[in-house]
Amino acid sequence: MKEWIALALLLLLAVGAIVNIAYLDRLIGDIEAVLRETDELARDGSYEEALDSLDRAIRHWLDANAYTHIFIRHPEIDSTSDAFYELHQALAEQNAEGYPSALEKLCYHLHSIDEMEHVRPGSVL
């Protein structure tokens, strides 16, 4: 009987991990799609529209607080949130030279969070 309970718990943990990875993939993918739109608008010089687009991405990130504050380490949350607002500042200043690096930094943080949650042989062994 104990073995079946242990097996059920292991299966539950595995399913939970898969659901967590799928949710995070979707969250990051949705945010990155909005950031691509933000980048296109900024490249066209439409900074106000780019800021509106970025604000949608920020709201999406903040709306996920209930998830992120449980499943993601707080230093990653803080650095990613900082990167969102650094990009916001660069776009608000209409800094055509500075916003691409701010965008790249934000995308790096989002990608890093996503990668940390994925199971790889090196993370298991």
Protein backbone atom coordinates (compact mmCIF):
# COMPACT_ATOMS: atom_id res chain seq x y z
CA MET A 1 0.00 0.00 0.00
CA LYS A 2 2.79 2.45 0.90
CA GLU A 3 4.43 1.81 -2.46
CA TRP A 4 1.25 2.79 -4.30
CA ILE A 5 0.93 5.98 -2.30
CA ALA A 6 4.58 6.83 -3.00
CA LEU A 7 4.07 6.10 -6.70
CA ALA A 8 0.95 8.27 -6.78
CA LEU A 9 2.86 11.14 -5.12
CA LEU A 10 5.72 10.83 -7.59
CA LEU A 11 3.27 10.82 -10.47
CA LEU A 12 1.53 13.88 -9.03
CA LEU A 13 4.88 15.68 -8.74
CA ALA A 14 5.77 14.81 -12.34
CA VAL A 15 2.41 16.04 -13.63
CA GLY A 16 2.77 19.22 -11.56
CA ALA A 17 6.20 19.86 -13.07
CA ILE A 18 4.87 19.37 -16.59
CA VAL A 19 1.95 21.72 -15.96
CA ASN A 20 4.32 24.29 -14.44
CA ILE A 21 6.63 24.18 -17.46
CA ALA A 22 3.71 24.45 -19.90
CA TYR A 23 2.23 27.43 -18.04
CA LEU A 24 5.58 29.22 -17.88
CA ASP A 25 6.25 28.54 -21.57
CA ARG A 26 2.88 30.06 -22.45
CA LEU A 27 3.39 33.07 -20.14
CA ILE A 28 6.85 33.86 -21.52
CA GLY A 29 5.73 33.20 -25.10
CA ASP A 30 2.79 35.57 -24.76
CA ILE A 31 4.99 38.31 -23.30
CA GLU A 32 7.66 37.83 -25.96
CA ALA A 33 5.00 38.13 -28.70
CA VAL A 34 3.97 41.52 -27.32
CA LEU A 35 7.62 42.54 -27.04
CA ARG A 36 8.16 41.71 -30.73
CA GLU A 37 5.26 44.05 -31.51
CA THR A 38 6.80 46.68 -29.23
CA ASP A 39 10.11 46.38 -31.07
CA GLU A 40 8.47 46.72 -34.49
CA LEU A 41 6.61 49.85 -33.40
CA ALA A 42 9.75 51.41 -31.92
CA ARG A 43 11.75 50.61 -35.06
CA ASP A 44 9.10 52.49 -37.04
CA GLY A 45 9.48 55.46 -34.67
CA SER A 46 6.01 54.98 -33.15
CA TYR A 47 7.21 55.34 -29.58
CA GLU A 48 3.81 56.13 -28.04
CA GLU A 49 2.32 53.00 -29.57
CA ALA A 50 5.41 51.03 -28.55
CA LEU A 51 4.90 52.22 -24.97
CA ASP A 52 1.26 51.13 -25.11
CA SER A 53 2.38 47.72 -26.35
CA LEU A 54 5.03 47.47 -23.64
CA ASP A 55 2.45 48.44 -21.03
CA ARG A 56 0.37 45.43 -22.14
CA ALA A 57 3.42 43.19 -21.65
CA ILE A 58 4.06 44.70 -18.22
CA ARG A 59 0.41 44.16 -17.20
CA HIS A 60 0.65 40.55 -18.38
CA TRP A 61 3.80 40.08 -16.28
CA LEU A 62 2.24 41.73 -13.21
CA ASP A 63 -1.02 39.81 -13.61
CA ALA A 64 1.00 36.62 -13.26
CA ASN A 65 2.25 37.65 -9.78
CA ALA A 66 0.27 34.92 -8.03
CA TYR A 67 2.17 32.37 -10.11
CA THR A 68 5.59 33.99 -10.36
CA HIS A 69 5.90 34.74 -6.66
CA ILE A 70 5.38 31.08 -5.85
CA PHE A 71 7.30 29.30 -8.61
CA ILE A 72 10.09 31.70 -9.60
CA ARG A 73 12.96 32.86 -7.41
CA HIS A 74 12.53 36.43 -6.21
CA PRO A 75 15.87 37.70 -7.57
CA GLU A 76 14.76 36.66 -11.08
CA ILE A 77 11.40 38.35 -10.60
CA ASP A 78 13.10 41.55 -9.43
CA SER A 79 15.68 41.65 -12.21
CA THR A 80 13.04 40.95 -14.86
CA SER A 81 10.73 43.62 -13.48
CA ASP A 82 13.64 46.08 -13.44
CA ALA A 83 14.39 45.20 -17.07
CA PHE A 84 10.75 45.92 -18.03
CA TYR A 85 10.97 49.39 -16.53
CA GLU A 86 14.41 50.10 -18.03
CA LEU A 87 12.93 49.37 -21.44
CA HIS A 88 9.94 51.56 -20.58
CA GLN A 89 12.28 54.43 -19.72
CA ALA A 90 14.28 54.02 -22.94
CA LEU A 91 11.09 54.06 -25.01
CA ALA A 92 9.65 57.02 -23.10
CA GLU A 93 12.86 58.93 -23.85
CA GLN A 94 12.52 57.83 -27.50
CA ASN A 95 16.06 56.55 -27.25
CA ALA A 96 16.51 54.76 -30.59
CA GLU A 97 20.05 53.76 -29.66
CA GLY A 98 19.33 52.64 -26.09
CA TYR A 99 16.07 50.78 -26.33
CA PRO A 100 17.41 47.77 -28.33
CA SER A 101 19.86 46.85 -25.58
CA ALA A 102 17.15 47.32 -22.94
CA LEU A 103 14.86 45.06 -24.96
CA GLU A 104 17.62 42.49 -25.35
CA LYS A 105 18.25 42.55 -21.60
CA LEU A 106 14.56 41.97 -20.87
CA CYS A 107 14.34 39.11 -23.38
CA TYR A 108 17.45 37.57 -21.83
CA HIS A 109 15.85 37.62 -18.37
CA LEU A 110 12.61 36.11 -19.65
CA HIS A 111 14.48 33.41 -21.58
CA SER A 112 16.63 32.63 -18.52
CA ILE A 113 13.57 32.17 -16.31
CA ASP A 114 12.03 29.85 -18.88
CA GLU A 115 15.23 27.83 -19.28
CA MET A 116 15.71 27.42 -15.51
CA GLU A 117 12.38 25.63 -15.22
CA HIS A 118 13.01 23.14 -18.01
CA VAL A 119 14.27 19.69 -17.04
CA ARG A 120 17.55 18.71 -18.64
CA PRO A 121 19.85 15.79 -17.91
CA GLY A 122 22.29 18.15 -16.20
CA SER A 123 19.62 19.54 -13.90
CA VAL A 124 18.50 16.08 -12.79
CA LEU A 125 21.82 14.29 -12.36
